[in-house]
Protein backbone atom coordinates (compact mmCIF):
# COMPACT_ATOMS: atom_id res chain seq x y z
CA MET A 1 13.62 -48.26 -29.40
CA THR A 2 10.66 -46.57 -27.68
CA THR A 3 10.25 -42.82 -27.31
CA ARG A 4 9.50 -41.58 -23.84
CA ASP A 5 6.25 -39.63 -23.41
CA PRO A 6 7.08 -35.92 -22.90
CA SER A 7 4.73 -35.72 -19.91
CA GLN A 8 6.50 -38.64 -18.22
CA ALA A 9 9.87 -37.00 -18.86
CA LEU A 10 8.69 -33.74 -17.31
CA LEU A 11 7.12 -35.45 -14.32
CA GLY A 12 10.48 -37.05 -13.63
CA LYS A 13 12.16 -33.64 -13.22
CA ARG A 14 12.19 -32.42 -9.61
CA ASN A 15 12.69 -28.77 -10.54
CA PHE A 16 9.64 -28.73 -12.82
CA ASN A 17 7.55 -30.60 -10.25
CA ILE A 18 8.23 -27.98 -7.56
CA PHE A 19 7.45 -25.17 -10.00
CA TRP A 20 4.29 -27.03 -11.05
CA CYS A 21 3.11 -27.51 -7.45
CA SER A 22 3.75 -23.87 -6.61
CA ARG A 23 1.80 -22.66 -9.64
CA THR A 24 -1.06 -25.04 -8.78
CA LEU A 25 -1.41 -23.59 -5.28
CA ASP A 26 -1.17 -20.10 -6.74
CA ALA A 27 -3.98 -20.94 -9.17
CA THR A 28 -6.08 -22.39 -6.36
CA GLY A 29 -5.82 -19.05 -4.59
CA ASP A 30 -6.80 -17.24 -7.80
CA ALA A 31 -9.77 -19.57 -8.34
CA PHE A 32 -10.92 -19.15 -4.75
CA ALA A 33 -10.72 -15.36 -4.98
CA MET A 34 -12.42 -15.33 -8.41
CA ILE A 35 -15.61 -16.69 -6.82
CA ALA A 36 -15.26 -15.50 -3.23
CA LEU A 37 -14.78 -11.82 -4.07
CA PRO A 38 -17.96 -11.51 -6.21
CA LEU A 39 -19.87 -13.44 -3.53
CA LEU A 40 -18.53 -11.00 -0.94
CA VAL A 41 -19.71 -8.04 -2.99
CA LEU A 42 -23.08 -9.65 -3.72
CA ASP A 43 -23.66 -10.45 -0.04
CA ALA A 44 -22.72 -6.92 0.97
CA THR A 45 -24.66 -5.02 -1.73
CA GLY A 46 -26.97 -7.41 -3.59
CA SER A 47 -26.04 -5.57 -6.80
CA VAL A 48 -24.77 -7.05 -10.07
CA ALA A 49 -23.67 -3.53 -11.04
CA GLN A 50 -21.33 -3.43 -8.00
CA MET A 51 -19.97 -6.83 -9.02
CA GLY A 52 -19.20 -5.40 -12.44
CA LEU A 53 -17.49 -2.35 -10.97
CA VAL A 54 -15.28 -4.53 -8.75
CA THR A 55 -14.39 -6.65 -11.78
CA GLY A 56 -13.61 -3.44 -13.62
CA SER A 57 -11.37 -2.27 -10.78
CA ILE A 58 -9.54 -5.59 -10.99
CA GLY A 59 -8.91 -4.76 -14.63
CA LEU A 60 -7.34 -1.46 -13.53
CA GLY A 61 -4.85 -3.32 -11.35
CA ASN A 62 -4.15 -5.72 -14.19
CA LEU A 63 -3.57 -2.85 -16.60
CA VAL A 64 -1.10 -1.04 -14.34
CA SER A 65 0.86 -4.23 -13.82
CA GLY A 66 0.84 -4.96 -17.55
CA VAL A 67 2.28 -1.52 -18.32
CA LEU A 68 4.96 -1.52 -15.64
CA PHE A 69 5.97 -5.09 -14.88
CA GLY A 70 7.16 -6.57 -18.18
CA SER A 71 10.46 -4.73 -18.20
CA VAL A 72 10.99 -5.69 -14.55
CA VAL A 73 10.61 -9.38 -15.47
CA ASP A 74 13.28 -9.01 -18.16
CA ARG A 75 15.73 -7.36 -15.74
CA LYS A 76 15.20 -9.00 -12.35
CA ASP A 77 15.32 -12.46 -10.81
CA ARG A 78 12.04 -14.07 -11.90
CA ARG A 79 11.88 -16.51 -9.00
CA ARG A 80 12.26 -13.73 -6.43
CA LEU A 81 9.56 -11.68 -8.14
CA ILE A 82 7.07 -14.55 -7.92
CA VAL A 83 7.86 -15.14 -4.23
CA LEU A 84 7.43 -11.46 -3.35
CA CYS A 85 4.15 -11.17 -5.24
CA ASP A 86 2.73 -14.28 -3.57
CA LEU A 87 3.68 -12.95 -0.14
CA GLY A 88 2.14 -9.60 -1.03
CA ARG A 89 -1.18 -11.18 -1.96
CA ALA A 90 -1.20 -13.23 1.23
CA MET A 91 -1.01 -10.01 3.25
CA ILE A 92 -3.51 -8.12 1.08
CA TYR A 93 -6.34 -10.65 1.36
CA ILE A 94 -5.95 -10.83 5.14
CA ALA A 95 -6.93 -7.13 5.16
CA ILE A 96 -10.57 -7.97 4.34
CA PRO A 97 -11.44 -10.10 7.41
CA LEU A 98 -9.36 -7.81 9.64
CA GLY A 99 -10.94 -4.65 8.25
CA TRP A 100 -14.50 -6.00 8.36
CA TRP A 101 -13.96 -7.27 11.91
CA MET A 102 -12.58 -3.92 13.12
CA PHE A 103 -14.71 -1.45 11.13
CA GLY A 104 -17.53 -3.41 9.54
CA PRO A 105 -18.22 -4.14 5.83
CA SER A 106 -16.46 -1.66 3.57
CA MET A 107 -16.71 -1.52 -0.22
CA ALA A 108 -13.84 0.99 -0.24
CA LEU A 109 -11.55 -1.62 1.33
CA THR A 110 -12.86 -4.22 -1.11
CA TYR A 111 -11.90 -2.02 -4.06
CA VAL A 112 -8.40 -1.42 -2.64
CA VAL A 113 -7.88 -5.15 -2.09
CA ALA A 114 -9.25 -6.02 -5.55
CA ILE A 115 -6.97 -3.56 -7.35
CA SER A 116 -3.85 -4.41 -5.33
CA ALA A 117 -4.36 -8.17 -5.60
CA ALA A 118 -5.03 -7.85 -9.34
CA TYR A 119 -1.76 -5.94 -9.80
CA LEU A 120 0.20 -8.70 -8.07
CA SER A 121 -1.73 -11.52 -9.76
CA THR A 122 -0.98 -10.13 -13.21
CA SER A 123 2.64 -9.61 -12.19
CA VAL A 124 2.86 -13.27 -11.18
CA LEU A 125 1.22 -14.37 -14.43
CA ILE A 126 3.64 -12.36 -16.55
CA THR A 127 6.61 -13.60 -14.53
CA SER A 128 5.65 -17.27 -14.40
CA THR A 129 4.80 -17.31 -18.12
CA SER A 130 8.32 -16.10 -18.79
CA ALA A 131 9.94 -18.21 -16.07
CA ILE A 132 8.69 -21.55 -17.43
CA THR A 133 11.08 -21.11 -20.37
CA ASN A 134 13.87 -21.10 -17.76
CA VAL A 135 12.62 -24.36 -16.25
CA VAL A 136 12.06 -26.58 -19.33
CA GLY A 137 13.48 -26.84 -22.85
CA GLN A 138 11.96 -25.44 -26.04
CA ASP A 139 10.68 -28.85 -27.16
CA GLU A 140 8.92 -29.31 -23.81
CA LEU A 141 7.04 -25.99 -23.71
CA VAL A 142 3.66 -27.07 -25.09
CA LYS A 143 3.54 -30.15 -22.86
CA ALA A 144 4.76 -28.18 -19.82
CA ASN A 145 2.20 -25.44 -20.39
CA GLY A 146 -0.47 -28.10 -20.86
CA LEU A 147 0.42 -29.79 -17.57
CA VAL A 148 0.47 -26.46 -15.74
CA GLN A 149 -2.90 -25.52 -17.22
CA ALA A 150 -4.36 -28.95 -16.40
CA ALA A 151 -3.24 -28.55 -12.79
CA THR A 152 -4.53 -24.98 -12.83
CA ALA A 153 -7.86 -26.33 -14.02
CA LEU A 154 -7.85 -28.87 -11.21
CA ALA A 155 -7.24 -25.95 -8.88
CA PHE A 156 -10.26 -24.28 -10.45
CA VAL A 157 -12.27 -27.34 -9.43
CA ALA A 158 -11.13 -27.09 -5.82
CA GLY A 159 -11.01 -23.27 -5.64
CA PRO A 160 -14.66 -22.47 -6.46
CA MET A 161 -15.88 -25.29 -4.24
CA LEU A 162 -13.72 -24.01 -1.38
CA ALA A 163 -15.04 -20.52 -2.06
CA GLY A 164 -18.66 -21.65 -1.99
CA PHE A 165 -18.34 -23.79 1.14
CA GLY A 166 -15.90 -21.40 2.83
CA SER A 167 -18.20 -18.43 2.29
CA ARG A 168 -21.08 -20.39 3.78
CA TRP A 169 -19.24 -21.81 6.81
CA LEU A 170 -16.86 -18.97 7.67
CA GLY A 171 -18.66 -16.03 6.14
CA SER A 172 -17.67 -14.28 2.92
CA SER A 173 -15.09 -12.02 4.60
CA ARG A 174 -13.36 -14.58 6.84
CA ALA A 175 -13.10 -17.00 3.92
CA MET A 176 -10.39 -14.73 2.52
CA MET A 177 -8.00 -16.09 5.17
CA LEU A 178 -7.90 -19.34 3.19
CA VAL A 179 -6.78 -17.44 0.10
CA SER A 180 -3.89 -15.93 2.05
CA GLY A 181 -2.77 -19.35 3.26
CA LEU A 182 -2.63 -20.74 -0.29
CA TYR A 183 -0.46 -17.87 -1.53
CA LEU A 184 1.87 -18.22 1.46
CA ILE A 185 2.51 -21.91 0.80
CA SER A 186 3.01 -21.20 -2.90
CA ALA A 187 5.69 -18.62 -2.08
CA ILE A 188 7.54 -21.07 0.16
CA GLN A 189 7.59 -23.74 -2.54
CA MET A 190 8.80 -21.30 -5.18
CA CYS A 191 11.89 -20.59 -3.07
CA PHE A 192 13.20 -24.06 -4.02
CA VAL A 193 12.85 -23.68 -7.82
CA LYS A 194 16.00 -23.13 -9.90
CA LEU A 195 15.72 -20.96 -13.02
CA ILE A 196 18.28 -20.85 -15.83
CA ARG A 197 18.21 -17.61 -17.83
CA LYS A 198 18.83 -18.07 -21.55
CA ALA A 199 20.08 -14.51 -21.92
CA PRO A 200 21.98 -12.72 -19.14
CA VAL A 201 20.10 -9.80 -17.64
CA GLU A 202 23.02 -7.53 -18.51
CA GLU A 203 22.28 -7.98 -22.23
CA VAL A 204 19.09 -5.90 -21.87
CA GLY A 205 20.46 -2.54 -22.92
CA ASP A 206 17.42 -0.27 -23.06
CA SER A 207 15.90 1.41 -20.05
CA GLY A 208 12.66 3.22 -19.26
CA LEU A 209 10.32 3.89 -22.16
CA GLY A 210 12.75 2.45 -24.71
CA MET A 211 12.77 -0.85 -22.89
CA LEU A 212 8.98 -0.96 -22.74
CA LEU A 213 8.67 -0.18 -26.44
CA GLY A 214 11.10 -2.96 -27.32
CA GLY A 215 8.42 -5.56 -26.58
CA VAL A 216 5.81 -3.59 -28.54
CA ARG A 217 8.07 -3.33 -31.60
CA TYR A 218 8.81 -7.04 -31.57
CA ALA A 219 5.18 -8.14 -31.07
CA PHE A 220 3.74 -5.91 -33.78
CA GLY A 221 6.61 -6.77 -36.11
CA GLU A 222 5.60 -10.44 -36.14
CA PRO A 223 2.35 -10.83 -38.17
CA VAL A 224 1.07 -13.88 -36.30
CA ILE A 225 1.73 -12.38 -32.86
CA ARG A 226 0.03 -9.17 -33.96
CA SER A 227 -3.05 -11.00 -35.25
CA VAL A 228 -3.37 -13.16 -32.17
CA LEU A 229 -3.06 -10.13 -29.89
CA ILE A 230 -5.83 -8.25 -31.71
CA LEU A 231 -8.17 -11.25 -31.72
CA LEU A 232 -7.56 -11.90 -28.01
CA ALA A 233 -8.31 -8.26 -27.19
CA ALA A 234 -11.67 -8.51 -28.95
CA PHE A 235 -12.39 -11.81 -27.21
CA ALA A 236 -11.52 -10.31 -23.81
CA PHE A 237 -13.87 -7.36 -24.32
CA LEU A 238 -16.74 -9.73 -25.06
CA SER A 239 -16.02 -12.48 -22.53
CA GLU A 240 -14.52 -11.02 -19.35
CA GLY A 241 -17.89 -10.33 -17.73
CA VAL A 242 -19.19 -13.84 -18.37
CA ILE A 243 -18.33 -15.22 -14.91
CA ASP A 244 -20.15 -12.40 -13.10
CA LEU A 245 -23.17 -12.79 -15.38
CA ALA A 246 -23.25 -16.55 -14.93
CA ILE A 247 -23.04 -16.16 -11.13
CA PHE A 248 -25.85 -13.59 -11.18
CA ARG A 249 -27.97 -15.85 -13.39
CA LEU A 250 -27.46 -18.82 -11.08
CA ARG A 251 -28.09 -16.83 -7.90
CA HIS A 252 -30.99 -14.59 -8.94
CA ASP A 253 -32.59 -15.99 -12.10
CA MET A 254 -32.47 -19.60 -10.87
CA GLY A 255 -32.42 -19.07 -7.10
CA GLN A 256 -29.29 -21.20 -6.53
CA GLY A 257 -27.11 -20.80 -3.44
CA ASP A 258 -23.37 -20.43 -2.87
CA ASN A 259 -22.80 -24.19 -2.77
CA THR A 260 -24.41 -24.80 -6.16
CA THR A 261 -22.58 -21.86 -7.66
CA GLY A 262 -19.24 -23.24 -6.45
CA ILE A 263 -20.07 -26.74 -7.69
CA VAL A 264 -21.08 -25.49 -11.15
CA PHE A 265 -17.78 -23.68 -11.63
CA GLY A 266 -15.85 -26.54 -10.10
CA VAL A 267 -17.40 -29.07 -12.49
CA ALA A 268 -16.79 -26.71 -15.41
CA SER A 269 -13.09 -26.78 -14.67
CA LEU A 270 -12.99 -30.46 -15.59
CA GLY A 271 -13.05 -29.31 -19.21
CA ALA A 272 -9.89 -27.32 -18.63
CA ILE A 273 -8.19 -30.34 -17.06
CA LEU A 274 -8.97 -32.39 -20.16
CA GLY A 275 -7.89 -29.53 -22.42
CA GLY A 276 -4.58 -29.14 -20.61
CA TRP A 277 -3.87 -32.85 -20.83
CA LEU A 278 -4.77 -33.16 -24.55
CA VAL A 279 -3.50 -29.83 -25.89
CA SER A 280 -0.05 -31.14 -26.79
CA SER A 281 -1.56 -33.93 -28.90
CA LEU A 282 -4.07 -31.57 -30.50
CA ARG A 283 -1.33 -29.08 -31.38
CA ALA A 284 0.85 -31.83 -32.85
CA LYS A 285 -2.04 -33.12 -34.99
CA TRP A 286 -3.82 -29.95 -36.10
CA GLY A 287 -1.28 -27.16 -35.58
CA PHE A 288 -1.75 -23.70 -34.11
CA GLY A 289 -4.43 -22.12 -36.32
CA ILE A 290 -7.17 -24.69 -35.83
CA CYS A 291 -6.55 -24.94 -32.07
CA PHE A 292 -6.62 -21.16 -31.61
CA ILE A 293 -9.48 -20.17 -33.92
CA GLY A 294 -11.50 -23.30 -33.18
CA GLY A 295 -11.13 -22.56 -29.46
CA LEU A 296 -12.46 -19.04 -29.98
CA MET A 297 -15.54 -20.21 -31.86
CA ILE A 298 -16.41 -23.03 -29.44
CA GLN A 299 -16.25 -20.56 -26.56
CA GLY A 300 -18.61 -18.21 -28.38
CA VAL A 301 -21.18 -20.97 -28.92
CA ALA A 302 -20.93 -22.07 -25.28
CA ILE A 303 -21.37 -18.54 -23.88
CA GLY A 304 -24.38 -17.86 -26.07
CA ALA A 305 -25.99 -21.14 -25.03
CA ILE A 306 -25.43 -20.37 -21.33
CA GLY A 307 -27.68 -17.35 -21.83
CA LEU A 308 -30.49 -19.72 -22.88
CA ALA A 309 -29.80 -22.67 -20.54
CA PRO A 310 -32.78 -23.39 -18.24
CA THR A 311 -30.94 -25.37 -15.54
CA ALA A 312 -27.75 -25.22 -13.49
CA LEU A 313 -26.79 -28.67 -14.79
CA LEU A 314 -26.87 -27.50 -18.41
CA ILE A 315 -24.90 -24.38 -17.51
CA ALA A 316 -22.25 -26.61 -15.93
CA GLN A 317 -22.04 -28.72 -19.10
CA LEU A 318 -21.75 -25.69 -21.37
CA ALA A 319 -19.18 -24.11 -19.08
CA THR A 320 -17.17 -27.34 -19.29
CA ALA A 321 -17.05 -26.99 -23.09
CA PHE A 322 -16.02 -23.36 -22.63
CA THR A 323 -13.14 -24.18 -20.28
CA PHE A 324 -11.90 -26.97 -22.55
CA ALA A 325 -11.75 -24.64 -25.56
CA ASN A 326 -10.34 -21.78 -23.49
CA THR A 327 -7.48 -23.93 -22.19
CA VAL A 328 -6.57 -25.20 -25.66
CA MET A 329 -6.60 -21.62 -26.98
CA ARG A 330 -4.56 -20.20 -24.09
CA VAL A 331 -1.89 -22.91 -24.05
CA ASN A 332 -1.37 -22.55 -27.78
CA THR A 333 -1.01 -18.76 -27.68
CA MET A 334 1.25 -18.89 -24.62
CA SER A 335 3.48 -21.59 -26.09
CA LEU A 336 3.73 -19.80 -29.43
CA ARG A 337 5.05 -16.57 -27.98
CA GLN A 338 7.41 -18.49 -25.68
CA GLN A 339 8.77 -20.41 -28.68
CA ILE A 340 9.41 -17.44 -30.96
CA THR A 341 10.14 -14.55 -28.56
CA PRO A 342 13.75 -14.03 -27.42
CA ASP A 343 14.13 -14.62 -23.66
CA ARG A 344 15.36 -11.06 -23.10
CA LEU A 345 12.03 -9.74 -24.50
CA LEU A 346 9.63 -12.37 -23.20
CA GLY A 347 8.58 -10.47 -20.08
CA ARG A 348 7.66 -7.39 -22.10
CA VAL A 349 5.83 -9.35 -24.79
CA SER A 350 3.91 -11.26 -22.10
CA SER A 351 3.16 -7.93 -20.47
CA LEU A 352 1.79 -6.58 -23.74
CA PHE A 353 -0.51 -9.59 -24.03
CA SER A 354 -1.67 -8.95 -20.48
CA ILE A 355 -2.51 -5.34 -21.35
CA GLY A 356 -4.20 -6.41 -24.58
CA TYR A 357 -6.38 -8.82 -22.66
CA THR A 358 -7.12 -7.14 -19.34
CA PHE A 359 -7.75 -3.56 -20.47
CA PRO A 360 -10.50 -4.33 -22.99
CA GLY A 361 -11.68 -7.08 -20.64
CA ALA A 362 -12.22 -4.61 -17.79
CA ILE A 363 -14.18 -2.25 -20.04
CA GLY A 364 -16.20 -5.13 -21.43
CA ALA A 365 -17.04 -6.48 -17.97
CA ALA A 366 -18.29 -3.08 -16.80
CA VAL A 367 -20.37 -2.60 -19.97
CA ALA A 368 -21.82 -6.11 -19.81
CA SER A 369 -22.79 -5.73 -16.15
CA ALA A 370 -24.42 -2.34 -16.77
CA VAL A 371 -26.46 -3.70 -19.68
CA ALA A 372 -27.36 -6.86 -17.72
CA HIS A 373 -28.61 -4.66 -14.88
CA LYS A 374 -31.30 -3.39 -17.26
CA LEU A 375 -31.91 -6.36 -19.57
CA GLY A 376 -30.89 -9.32 -17.43
CA PRO A 377 -27.84 -11.59 -17.91
CA GLY A 378 -29.41 -13.95 -20.47
CA PRO A 379 -29.61 -11.57 -23.47
CA VAL A 380 -26.13 -10.19 -22.76
CA LEU A 381 -24.63 -13.70 -22.68
CA MET A 382 -26.35 -14.60 -25.96
CA ALA A 383 -25.14 -11.44 -27.69
CA SER A 384 -21.59 -11.94 -26.39
CA GLY A 385 -21.51 -15.51 -27.65
CA ILE A 386 -22.62 -14.53 -31.16
CA LEU A 387 -20.03 -11.76 -31.38
CA ILE A 388 -17.21 -14.03 -30.10
CA ALA A 389 -18.05 -16.60 -32.76
CA ALA A 390 -17.88 -13.79 -35.33
CA VAL A 391 -14.44 -12.76 -34.01
CA GLY A 392 -13.25 -16.33 -34.46
CA SER A 393 -14.53 -16.33 -38.04
CA THR A 394 -12.52 -13.21 -38.88
CA GLY A 395 -9.43 -14.98 -37.55
CA THR A 396 -9.55 -17.33 -40.53
CA LEU A 397 -8.59 -14.33 -42.70
CA SER A 398 -5.53 -13.41 -40.60
CA SER A 399 -2.03 -14.76 -39.99
CA ALA A 400 -3.40 -16.51 -36.90
CA ARG A 401 -4.74 -19.28 -39.15
CA ALA A 402 -1.19 -20.55 -39.85
CA LYS A 403 -0.65 -24.20 -38.94
CA TRP A 404 3.01 -24.01 -37.85
CA PRO A 405 3.84 -20.28 -37.41
CA GLU A 406 6.74 -21.01 -35.04
CA ARG A 407 8.58 -22.90 -37.79
CA THR A 408 8.20 -20.01 -40.22
CA VAL A 409 9.50 -17.45 -37.71
CA LEU A 410 12.46 -19.58 -36.67
CA ARG A 411 13.45 -20.25 -40.30
CA LYS A 412 13.32 -16.49 -40.95
CA GLU A 413 15.51 -15.77 -37.92
CA PHE A 414 18.05 -18.42 -38.95
CA ALA A 415 18.17 -16.97 -42.47
CA VAL A 416 18.82 -13.50 -41.09
CA SER A 417 21.56 -14.76 -38.76
CA ASP A 418 23.26 -16.63 -41.61
């Protein structure tokens, strides 16, 4: 008797396929905006410092969403939340071409759009991370997350290329209309997804601050979740400005144009596609600790080397290694908290991870850009890479090194219930 491949089983499920397609379009919009917005700022100001400030303002929107939205995810219809957020982003990004056409280039409008879109993007991320547990079974989570991340990576091949070509052909402001269209189609598809809640919403008894703190108490009460959260926060502080610095290095240090910049980031996403496809096998063979800590250290080496790379081709190759390791790390951390966190708390725990990542990331991006403005992007990338590798090394001394932490937590919960 042969065992059916988990990926084949998932691909045969219509409900998962619709969810998967919707999230892929959503990710394509994110990838497009990730490149198009910095290009917009760079074209308007020519300043890497302004790019860093916009990235920092995005972190502000992410932080507000992280604080407020987790408890909403645990109380409200998750499908409806995703649809509303996608529609909201479609309208927000249209404001840039309309505003620039009516009043001319405006950095104030750019900041408003960046913060608002970041709030909704983080809200979608928190919601969809929780919602996938209502689409597939527990034994399918790692594979499902891997497939979603592989498709997301494919979107990050198309998105940057669309951003580069769209900015050149339509102009950096009018290119934002394409972003709006992607989010609109994603919202329509999500309307046809069916979610099955594992715990009725009515079982969530706390409200207000008590509800928010429920996720904090659970996350910090689990040693492995606590360790992973702390390590990810340190990683975010050191890595969140990398994309801006790499763009600035390609554009100014190497004299590359928008097309090359889009192609470099598009090619780099091939590593994430491979990582998403292989992560389930890697997790089954090596367990959580090696995948998570190894991913951290590989990313550190890649970032440091990008600071020394003399050509766009080498940067693309190093970025491919980075995206492969980043995908393996992210899928493992996401799947772990989905596996061991009760459904009624998952939105708040996911929200806490969002705060732990985006808040230090926003500060780190602003600091990195300010230092790069004086020293250049190369030295900052090298220093960031060394420090990230050091963070990964400290992880070997924490609970995050455990091979099968989900089994330990589940055995403990069963023992308590008995």
